[in-house]
């Protein structure tokens, strides 16, 4: 064991329980039902205490841990407002959705983004390890792998979602839609790249269809662009573009 290892690591079980409890408090329909005002306040206080208990071994000073916990919960109301707008957008855009309650209960992309919003706050607060634990929880549940360091704008729409990979330094604008099997990654992996910009920028109002791969820290996909399915990109694309891969498909009938 080297000095790079932390003396304490967060309990994955406790971290998952914390996320589930927070999600159920924000969205009671995922739990048993509505709670009274007093019950909500008690649950909120219990969650604050639990997060403080999780991060205290990670950050050293009690005052620092308390400040991190307070900063995290200060951002929850804004995250909740954004997630409700996301749920409305899913319901509005997806013909298979019949109400936003269905989105909140059933859509893996919505759950993955809930957890990412929480993990990203902890990442920006420099809480070690825990943001990645939360991200891997969502990954294990949904098949959607979003690094907690990724910067993702408002109204981010994930359809189906399985197999999506979004790297640590990826920057995604507002009103972006991506489909299953999309990778937003680096051109190659090397430890010497740690701390550098190595994942693409996706500007506002971009659609990326299934199976596409976009790589590189200098790659920028301009706003209002459509990336077709199975496209491989390592270079930038100007705004208002349509990019597609043209395969050769041959269909032969049976010889009589």
C-alpha atoms as a PDB file:
ATOM      1  CA  UNK A   1       0.000   0.000   0.000  1.00  0.00           C
ATOM      2  CA  UNK A   2       1.346   3.439  -0.950  1.00  0.00           C
ATOM      3  CA  UNK A   3       0.671   6.943   0.311  1.00  0.00           C
ATOM      4  CA  UNK A   4      -1.796   7.416  -2.546  1.00  0.00           C
ATOM      5  CA  UNK A   5      -4.320   5.289  -0.669  1.00  0.00           C
ATOM      6  CA  UNK A   6      -6.614   7.024   1.791  1.00  0.00           C
ATOM      7  CA  UNK A   7      -6.612   5.838   5.380  1.00  0.00           C
ATOM      8  CA  UNK A   8     -10.396   5.657   5.306  1.00  0.00           C
ATOM      9  CA  UNK A   9     -12.753   4.920   2.423  1.00  0.00           C
ATOM     10  CA  UNK A  10     -16.528   5.453   2.355  1.00  0.00           C
ATOM     11  CA  UNK A  11     -18.834   2.524   2.864  1.00  0.00           C
ATOM     12  CA  UNK A  12     -20.446   1.722  -0.488  1.00  0.00           C
ATOM     13  CA  UNK A  13     -23.483   0.332   1.315  1.00  0.00           C
ATOM     14  CA  UNK A  14     -23.909   3.495   3.377  1.00  0.00           C
ATOM     15  CA  UNK A  15     -23.366   5.703   0.321  1.00  0.00           C
ATOM     16  CA  UNK A  16     -26.008   3.825  -1.669  1.00  0.00           C
ATOM     17  CA  UNK A  17     -28.436   4.002   1.227  1.00  0.00           C
ATOM     18  CA  UNK A  18     -27.852   7.754   1.459  1.00  0.00           C
ATOM     19  CA  UNK A  19     -28.569   8.246  -2.267  1.00  0.00           C
ATOM     20  CA  UNK A  20     -31.728   6.129  -2.144  1.00  0.00           C
ATOM     21  CA  UNK A  21     -33.001   8.017   0.907  1.00  0.00           C
ATOM     22  CA  UNK A  22     -32.288  11.393  -0.708  1.00  0.00           C
ATOM     23  CA  UNK A  23     -34.036  10.396  -3.932  1.00  0.00           C
ATOM     24  CA  UNK A  24     -37.085   9.143  -2.011  1.00  0.00           C
ATOM     25  CA  UNK A  25     -37.228  12.336   0.029  1.00  0.00           C
ATOM     26  CA  UNK A  26     -37.160  14.498  -3.102  1.00  0.00           C
ATOM     27  CA  UNK A  27     -39.523  12.239  -5.059  1.00  0.00           C
ATOM     28  CA  UNK A  28     -41.937  10.608  -2.562  1.00  0.00           C
ATOM     29  CA  UNK A  29     -43.661   8.576  -5.284  1.00  0.00           C
ATOM     30  CA  UNK A  30     -40.471   6.447  -5.425  1.00  0.00           C
ATOM     31  CA  UNK A  31     -41.070   5.600  -1.745  1.00  0.00           C
ATOM     32  CA  UNK A  32     -44.199   4.597   0.120  1.00  0.00           C
ATOM     33  CA  UNK A  33     -45.983   7.906  -0.266  1.00  0.00           C
ATOM     34  CA  UNK A  34     -46.203  11.472   0.974  1.00  0.00           C
ATOM     35  CA  UNK A  35     -44.765  12.381   4.376  1.00  0.00           C
ATOM     36  CA  UNK A  36     -45.879  15.097   6.771  1.00  0.00           C
ATOM     37  CA  UNK A  37     -43.896  18.323   7.099  1.00  0.00           C
ATOM     38  CA  UNK A  38     -42.487  17.156  10.414  1.00  0.00           C
ATOM     39  CA  UNK A  39     -41.423  13.823   8.928  1.00  0.00           C
ATOM     40  CA  UNK A  40     -39.737  15.576   5.992  1.00  0.00           C
ATOM     41  CA  UNK A  41     -37.775  17.851   8.317  1.00  0.00           C
ATOM     42  CA  UNK A  42     -36.689  14.877  10.431  1.00  0.00           C
ATOM     43  CA  UNK A  43     -35.605  12.942   7.340  1.00  0.00           C
ATOM     44  CA  UNK A  44     -33.685  15.971   6.058  1.00  0.00           C
ATOM     45  CA  UNK A  45     -31.803  16.303   9.360  1.00  0.00           C
ATOM     46  CA  UNK A  46     -31.076  12.571   9.370  1.00  0.00           C
ATOM     47  CA  UNK A  47     -29.647  12.787   5.843  1.00  0.00           C
ATOM     48  CA  UNK A  48     -27.415  15.705   6.805  1.00  0.00           C
ATOM     49  CA  UNK A  49     -26.108  13.702   9.752  1.00  0.00           C
ATOM     50  CA  UNK A  50     -25.544  10.638   7.577  1.00  0.00           C
ATOM     51  CA  UNK A  51     -23.599  12.544   4.906  1.00  0.00           C
ATOM     52  CA  UNK A  52     -21.461  14.143   7.614  1.00  0.00           C
ATOM     53  CA  UNK A  53     -20.792  10.683   9.031  1.00  0.00           C
ATOM     54  CA  UNK A  54     -19.788   9.398   5.572  1.00  0.00           C
ATOM     55  CA  UNK A  55     -17.392  12.206   4.684  1.00  0.00           C
ATOM     56  CA  UNK A  56     -15.869  12.912   8.115  1.00  0.00           C
ATOM     57  CA  UNK A  57     -13.187  10.181   7.768  1.00  0.00           C
ATOM     58  CA  UNK A  58     -12.369  11.510   4.266  1.00  0.00           C
ATOM     59  CA  UNK A  59     -11.791  15.206   4.862  1.00  0.00           C
ATOM     60  CA  UNK A  60      -9.883  15.347   8.135  1.00  0.00           C
ATOM     61  CA  UNK A  61     -11.106  18.523   9.854  1.00  0.00           C
ATOM     62  CA  UNK A  62     -14.573  18.561  11.407  1.00  0.00           C
ATOM     63  CA  UNK A  63     -15.147  22.177  10.376  1.00  0.00           C
ATOM     64  CA  UNK A  64     -14.308  21.310   6.761  1.00  0.00           C
ATOM     65  CA  UNK A  65     -16.681  18.338   6.815  1.00  0.00           C
ATOM     66  CA  UNK A  66     -19.514  20.416   8.225  1.00  0.00           C
ATOM     67  CA  UNK A  67     -18.963  23.125   5.610  1.00  0.00           C
ATOM     68  CA  UNK A  68     -18.977  20.535   2.802  1.00  0.00           C
ATOM     69  CA  UNK A  69     -22.186  18.997   4.127  1.00  0.00           C
ATOM     70  CA  UNK A  70     -23.887  22.388   4.369  1.00  0.00           C
ATOM     71  CA  UNK A  71     -22.732  23.360   0.867  1.00  0.00           C
ATOM     72  CA  UNK A  72     -24.042  20.094  -0.566  1.00  0.00           C
ATOM     73  CA  UNK A  73     -27.522  20.502   0.892  1.00  0.00           C
ATOM     74  CA  UNK A  74     -27.631  24.177  -0.115  1.00  0.00           C
ATOM     75  CA  UNK A  75     -27.568  23.036  -3.758  1.00  0.00           C
ATOM     76  CA  UNK A  76     -30.301  20.402  -3.452  1.00  0.00           C
ATOM     77  CA  UNK A  77     -33.286  22.762  -4.005  1.00  0.00           C
ATOM     78  CA  UNK A  78     -31.791  24.012  -7.284  1.00  0.00           C
ATOM     79  CA  UNK A  79     -31.013  20.444  -8.372  1.00  0.00           C
ATOM     80  CA  UNK A  80     -34.582  19.387  -7.568  1.00  0.00           C
ATOM     81  CA  UNK A  81     -36.039  22.234  -9.639  1.00  0.00           C
ATOM     82  CA  UNK A  82     -33.849  21.251 -12.599  1.00  0.00           C
ATOM     83  CA  UNK A  83     -34.755  17.578 -12.299  1.00  0.00           C
ATOM     84  CA  UNK A  84     -38.486  18.362 -12.315  1.00  0.00           C
ATOM     85  CA  UNK A  85     -37.992  20.323 -15.539  1.00  0.00           C
ATOM     86  CA  UNK A  86     -36.024  17.369 -16.922  1.00  0.00           C
ATOM     87  CA  UNK A  87     -38.893  15.018 -16.085  1.00  0.00           C
ATOM     88  CA  UNK A  88     -41.314  17.305 -17.904  1.00  0.00           C
ATOM     89  CA  UNK A  89     -39.011  17.378 -20.922  1.00  0.00           C
ATOM     90  CA  UNK A  90     -38.722  13.577 -21.002  1.00  0.00           C
ATOM     91  CA  UNK A  91     -42.492  13.329 -20.897  1.00  0.00           C
ATOM     92  CA  UNK A  92     -42.862  15.955 -23.624  1.00  0.00           C
ATOM     93  CA  UNK A  93     -40.234  14.460 -25.961  1.00  0.00           C
ATOM     94  CA  UNK A  94     -40.778  10.722 -25.602  1.00  0.00           C
ATOM     95  CA  UNK A  95     -43.965   9.352 -27.208  1.00  0.00           C
ATOM     96  CA  UNK A  96     -43.577   6.220 -25.054  1.00  0.00           C
ATOM     97  CA  UNK A  97     -44.050   8.279 -21.867  1.00  0.00           C
ATOM     98  CA  UNK A  98     -47.560   8.871 -20.585  1.00  0.00           C
ATOM     99  CA  UNK A  99     -46.741  11.129 -17.607  1.00  0.00           C
ATOM    100  CA  UNK A 100     -43.780  12.629 -15.777  1.00  0.00           C
ATOM    101  CA  UNK A 101     -44.432  10.283 -12.844  1.00  0.00           C
ATOM    102  CA  UNK A 102     -43.581   7.402 -15.180  1.00  0.00           C
ATOM    103  CA  UNK A 103     -40.310   9.142 -16.037  1.00  0.00           C
ATOM    104  CA  UNK A 104     -39.368   9.603 -12.379  1.00  0.00           C
ATOM    105  CA  UNK A 105     -40.187   6.004 -11.525  1.00  0.00           C
ATOM    106  CA  UNK A 106     -38.963   4.102 -14.561  1.00  0.00           C
ATOM    107  CA  UNK A 107     -36.464   5.934 -16.768  1.00  0.00           C
ATOM    108  CA  UNK A 108     -32.826   4.876 -16.217  1.00  0.00           C
ATOM    109  CA  UNK A 109     -31.509   8.065 -17.832  1.00  0.00           C
ATOM    110  CA  UNK A 110     -33.420  10.184 -15.347  1.00  0.00           C
ATOM    111  CA  UNK A 111     -32.096   8.169 -12.394  1.00  0.00           C
ATOM    112  CA  UNK A 112     -28.533   8.332 -13.734  1.00  0.00           C
ATOM    113  CA  UNK A 113     -28.772  12.119 -13.984  1.00  0.00           C
ATOM    114  CA  UNK A 114     -30.232  12.433 -10.487  1.00  0.00           C
ATOM    115  CA  UNK A 115     -27.233  10.634  -9.054  1.00  0.00           C
ATOM    116  CA  UNK A 116     -24.821  12.521 -11.302  1.00  0.00           C
ATOM    117  CA  UNK A 117     -26.117  15.882 -10.083  1.00  0.00           C
ATOM    118  CA  UNK A 118     -25.462  14.803  -6.481  1.00  0.00           C
ATOM    119  CA  UNK A 119     -22.051  13.293  -7.270  1.00  0.00           C
ATOM    120  CA  UNK A 120     -20.977  16.345  -9.255  1.00  0.00           C
ATOM    121  CA  UNK A 121     -21.620  18.658  -6.295  1.00  0.00           C
ATOM    122  CA  UNK A 122     -19.428  16.456  -4.078  1.00  0.00           C
ATOM    123  CA  UNK A 123     -16.778  16.342  -6.813  1.00  0.00           C
ATOM    124  CA  UNK A 124     -16.695  20.145  -7.028  1.00  0.00           C
ATOM    125  CA  UNK A 125     -16.417  20.302  -3.219  1.00  0.00           C
ATOM    126  CA  UNK A 126     -13.283  18.112  -3.472  1.00  0.00           C
ATOM    127  CA  UNK A 127     -14.746  15.294  -1.396  1.00  0.00           C
ATOM    128  CA  UNK A 128     -12.448  12.337  -2.200  1.00  0.00           C
ATOM    129  CA  UNK A 129     -13.655   8.957  -3.512  1.00  0.00           C
ATOM    130  CA  UNK A 130     -17.329   9.367  -2.543  1.00  0.00           C
ATOM    131  CA  UNK A 131     -18.417  11.047  -5.828  1.00  0.00           C
ATOM    132  CA  UNK A 132     -17.062   8.077  -7.773  1.00  0.00           C
ATOM    133  CA  UNK A 133     -18.804   5.635  -5.419  1.00  0.00           C
ATOM    134  CA  UNK A 134     -22.124   7.338  -6.171  1.00  0.00           C
ATOM    135  CA  UNK A 135     -21.414   7.392  -9.920  1.00  0.00           C
ATOM    136  CA  UNK A 136     -20.613   3.683  -9.950  1.00  0.00           C
ATOM    137  CA  UNK A 137     -23.838   2.971  -8.080  1.00  0.00           C
ATOM    138  CA  UNK A 138     -25.828   4.624 -10.873  1.00  0.00           C
ATOM    139  CA  UNK A 139     -23.659   2.809 -13.436  1.00  0.00           C
ATOM    140  CA  UNK A 140     -24.396  -0.577 -11.867  1.00  0.00           C
ATOM    141  CA  UNK A 141     -28.145   0.126 -11.802  1.00  0.00           C
ATOM    142  CA  UNK A 142     -28.580   1.708 -15.256  1.00  0.00           C
ATOM    143  CA  UNK A 143     -25.599   0.743 -17.439  1.00  0.00           C
ATOM    144  CA  UNK A 144     -24.907   4.491 -17.874  1.00  0.00           C
ATOM    145  CA  UNK A 145     -21.346   5.468 -16.919  1.00  0.00           C
ATOM    146  CA  UNK A 146     -21.015   9.203 -16.166  1.00  0.00           C
ATOM    147  CA  UNK A 147     -17.887  10.388 -14.386  1.00  0.00           C
ATOM    148  CA  UNK A 148     -18.833  12.763 -11.541  1.00  0.00           C
ATOM    149  CA  UNK A 149     -16.456  15.386 -12.926  1.00  0.00           C
ATOM    150  CA  UNK A 150     -18.371  15.759 -16.195  1.00  0.00           C
ATOM    151  CA  UNK A 151     -20.072  19.146 -16.609  1.00  0.00           C
ATOM    152  CA  UNK A 152     -23.614  18.703 -17.921  1.00  0.00           C
ATOM    153  CA  UNK A 153     -26.057  21.514 -18.643  1.00  0.00           C
ATOM    154  CA  UNK A 154     -29.801  21.777 -18.217  1.00  0.00           C
ATOM    155  CA  UNK A 155     -32.408  19.559 -19.866  1.00  0.00           C
ATOM    156  CA  UNK A 156     -30.044  16.693 -20.620  1.00  0.00           C
ATOM    157  CA  UNK A 157     -32.065  13.901 -22.228  1.00  0.00           C
ATOM    158  CA  UNK A 158     -30.885  10.287 -22.264  1.00  0.00           C
ATOM    159  CA  UNK A 159     -33.017   7.893 -24.304  1.00  0.00           C
ATOM    160  CA  UNK A 160     -32.668   4.201 -23.339  1.00  0.00           C
ATOM    161  CA  UNK A 161     -29.145   4.868 -22.083  1.00  0.00           C
ATOM    162  CA  UNK A 162     -27.493   1.460 -21.799  1.00  0.00           C
ATOM    163  CA  UNK A 163     -23.807   1.589 -22.714  1.00  0.00           C
ATOM    164  CA  UNK A 164     -23.406   5.385 -22.558  1.00  0.00           C
ATOM    165  CA  UNK A 165     -19.958   6.542 -21.367  1.00  0.00           C
ATOM    166  CA  UNK A 166     -19.213  10.191 -20.479  1.00  0.00           C
ATOM    167  CA  UNK A 167     -15.676  11.057 -19.385  1.00  0.00           C
ATOM    168  CA  UNK A 168     -14.407  13.197 -16.532  1.00  0.00           C
ATOM    169  CA  UNK A 169     -13.549  16.393 -18.443  1.00  0.00           C
ATOM    170  CA  UNK A 170     -16.476  16.270 -20.867  1.00  0.00           C
ATOM    171  CA  UNK A 171     -18.517  19.498 -21.103  1.00  0.00           C
ATOM    172  CA  UNK A 172     -22.114  19.232 -22.325  1.00  0.00           C
ATOM    173  CA  UNK A 173     -24.383  22.221 -22.965  1.00  0.00           C
ATOM    174  CA  UNK A 174     -28.141  22.661 -22.566  1.00  0.00           C
ATOM    175  CA  UNK A 175     -30.874  20.731 -24.383  1.00  0.00           C
ATOM    176  CA  UNK A 176     -28.612  17.889 -25.487  1.00  0.00           C
ATOM    177  CA  UNK A 177     -30.057  14.458 -26.343  1.00  0.00           C
ATOM    178  CA  UNK A 178     -28.027  11.267 -26.543  1.00  0.00           C
ATOM    179  CA  UNK A 179     -29.010   7.680 -27.231  1.00  0.00           C
ATOM    180  CA  UNK A 180     -27.735   4.293 -26.133  1.00  0.00           C
ATOM    181  CA  UNK A 181     -24.169   3.214 -26.779  1.00  0.00           C
ATOM    182  CA  UNK A 182     -22.726   6.734 -27.139  1.00  0.00           C
ATOM    183  CA  UNK A 183     -19.151   7.287 -25.929  1.00  0.00           C
ATOM    184  CA  UNK A 184     -17.777  10.736 -25.120  1.00  0.00           C
ATOM    185  CA  UNK A 185     -14.213   9.802 -24.320  1.00  0.00           C
ATOM    186  CA  UNK A 186     -10.479  10.380 -24.758  1.00  0.00           C
ATOM    187  CA  UNK A 187      -8.379   9.520 -27.805  1.00  0.00           C
ATOM    188  CA  UNK A 188      -6.102   7.409 -25.612  1.00  0.00           C
ATOM    189  CA  UNK A 189      -5.594   6.593 -21.945  1.00  0.00           C
ATOM    190  CA  UNK A 190      -2.383   7.486 -20.140  1.00  0.00           C
ATOM    191  CA  UNK A 191      -1.725   8.371 -16.509  1.00  0.00           C
ATOM    192  CA  UNK A 192       0.262  11.409 -17.625  1.00  0.00           C
ATOM    193  CA  UNK A 193      -3.029  12.920 -18.870  1.00  0.00           C
ATOM    194  CA  UNK A 194      -4.440  13.183 -15.356  1.00  0.00           C
ATOM    195  CA  UNK A 195      -5.715  16.700 -14.727  1.00  0.00           C
ATOM    196  CA  UNK A 196      -5.738  17.660 -18.420  1.00  0.00           C
ATOM    197  CA  UNK A 197      -8.676  18.270 -20.732  1.00  0.00           C
ATOM    198  CA  UNK A 198      -9.118  15.026 -22.688  1.00  0.00           C
ATOM    199  CA  UNK A 199     -12.857  14.664 -23.402  1.00  0.00           C
ATOM    200  CA  UNK A 200     -15.026  16.500 -25.961  1.00  0.00           C
ATOM    201  CA  UNK A 201     -17.233  19.555 -25.680  1.00  0.00           C
ATOM    202  CA  UNK A 202     -20.855  19.175 -26.813  1.00  0.00           C
ATOM    203  CA  UNK A 203     -22.535  22.551 -27.315  1.00  0.00           C
ATOM    204  CA  UNK A 204     -26.229  23.412 -26.898  1.00  0.00           C
ATOM    205  CA  UNK A 205     -29.070  21.671 -28.775  1.00  0.00           C
ATOM    206  CA  UNK A 206     -27.055  18.715 -30.067  1.00  0.00           C
ATOM    207  CA  UNK A 207     -28.506  15.255 -30.776  1.00  0.00           C
ATOM    208  CA  UNK A 208     -26.189  12.226 -30.775  1.00  0.00           C
ATOM    209  CA  UNK A 209     -27.728   8.988 -32.019  1.00  0.00           C
ATOM    210  CA  UNK A 210     -26.997   5.438 -30.929  1.00  0.00           C
ATOM    211  CA  UNK A 211     -23.547   3.902 -31.139  1.00  0.00           C
ATOM    212  CA  UNK A 212     -21.605   7.077 -31.913  1.00  0.00           C
ATOM    213  CA  UNK A 213     -18.127   7.717 -30.487  1.00  0.00           C
ATOM    214  CA  UNK A 214     -16.719  11.236 -30.022  1.00  0.00           C
ATOM    215  CA  UNK A 215     -13.186  11.509 -28.651  1.00  0.00           C
ATOM    216  CA  UNK A 216     -10.607  14.119 -27.663  1.00  0.00           C
ATOM    217  CA  UNK A 217     -10.233  17.183 -25.486  1.00  0.00           C
ATOM    218  CA  UNK A 218      -9.984  19.504 -28.478  1.00  0.00           C
ATOM    219  CA  UNK A 219     -13.060  18.082 -30.197  1.00  0.00           C
ATOM    220  CA  UNK A 220     -16.004  20.484 -30.175  1.00  0.00           C
ATOM    221  CA  UNK A 221     -19.436  19.591 -31.540  1.00  0.00           C
ATOM    222  CA  UNK A 222     -21.049  22.879 -32.546  1.00  0.00           C
ATOM    223  CA  UNK A 223     -24.511  23.833 -31.373  1.00  0.00           C
ATOM    224  CA  UNK A 224     -27.639  22.626 -33.184  1.00  0.00           C
ATOM    225  CA  UNK A 225     -25.794  19.683 -34.742  1.00  0.00           C
ATOM    226  CA  UNK A 226     -27.116  16.167 -35.350  1.00  0.00           C
ATOM    227  CA  UNK A 227     -24.677  13.257 -35.087  1.00  0.00           C
ATOM    228  CA  UNK A 228     -26.058  10.134 -36.740  1.00  0.00           C
ATOM    229  CA  UNK A 229     -25.718   6.593 -35.468  1.00  0.00           C
ATOM    230  CA  UNK A 230     -22.368   4.728 -35.441  1.00  0.00           C
ATOM    231  CA  UNK A 231     -20.321   7.832 -36.251  1.00  0.00           C
ATOM    232  CA  UNK A 232     -16.643   7.955 -35.169  1.00  0.00           C
ATOM    233  CA  UNK A 233     -15.339  11.513 -34.569  1.00  0.00           C
ATOM    234  CA  UNK A 234     -11.982  12.840 -33.385  1.00  0.00           C
ATOM    235  CA  UNK A 235     -12.277  16.316 -34.909  1.00  0.00           C
ATOM    236  CA  UNK A 236     -14.521  19.311 -34.369  1.00  0.00           C
ATOM    237  CA  UNK A 237     -17.793  19.909 -36.188  1.00  0.00           C
ATOM    238  CA  UNK A 238     -19.197  23.401 -36.921  1.00  0.00           C
ATOM    239  CA  UNK A 239     -22.640  24.469 -35.673  1.00  0.00           C
ATOM    240  CA  UNK A 240     -25.780  23.425 -37.567  1.00  0.00           C
ATOM    241  CA  UNK A 241     -24.070  20.348 -39.060  1.00  0.00           C
ATOM    242  CA  UNK A 242     -25.428  16.901 -39.844  1.00  0.00           C
ATOM    243  CA  UNK A 243     -22.863  14.130 -39.511  1.00  0.00           C
ATOM    244  CA  UNK A 244     -23.652  10.571 -40.528  1.00  0.00           C
ATOM    245  CA  UNK A 245     -22.013   7.284 -41.382  1.00  0.00           C
ATOM    246  CA  UNK A 246     -23.086   5.745 -44.698  1.00  0.00           C
ATOM    247  CA  UNK A 247     -22.844   1.942 -44.566  1.00  0.00           C
ATOM    248  CA  UNK A 248     -23.491  -0.265 -47.536  1.00  0.00           C
ATOM    249  CA  UNK A 249     -26.520  -2.410 -46.925  1.00  0.00           C
ATOM    250  CA  UNK A 250     -27.442  -5.175 -49.382  1.00  0.00           C
ATOM    251  CA  UNK A 251     -30.664  -7.142 -49.084  1.00  0.00           C
ATOM    252  CA  UNK A 252     -31.043 -10.207 -51.261  1.00  0.00           C
ATOM    253  CA  UNK A 253     -34.195 -12.203 -51.677  1.00  0.00           C
ATOM    254  CA  UNK A 254     -34.264 -15.960 -51.724  1.00  0.00           C
ATOM    255  CA  UNK A 255     -33.532 -17.482 -55.148  1.00  0.00           C
ATOM    256  CA  UNK A 256     -36.419 -19.481 -56.593  1.00  0.00           C
END
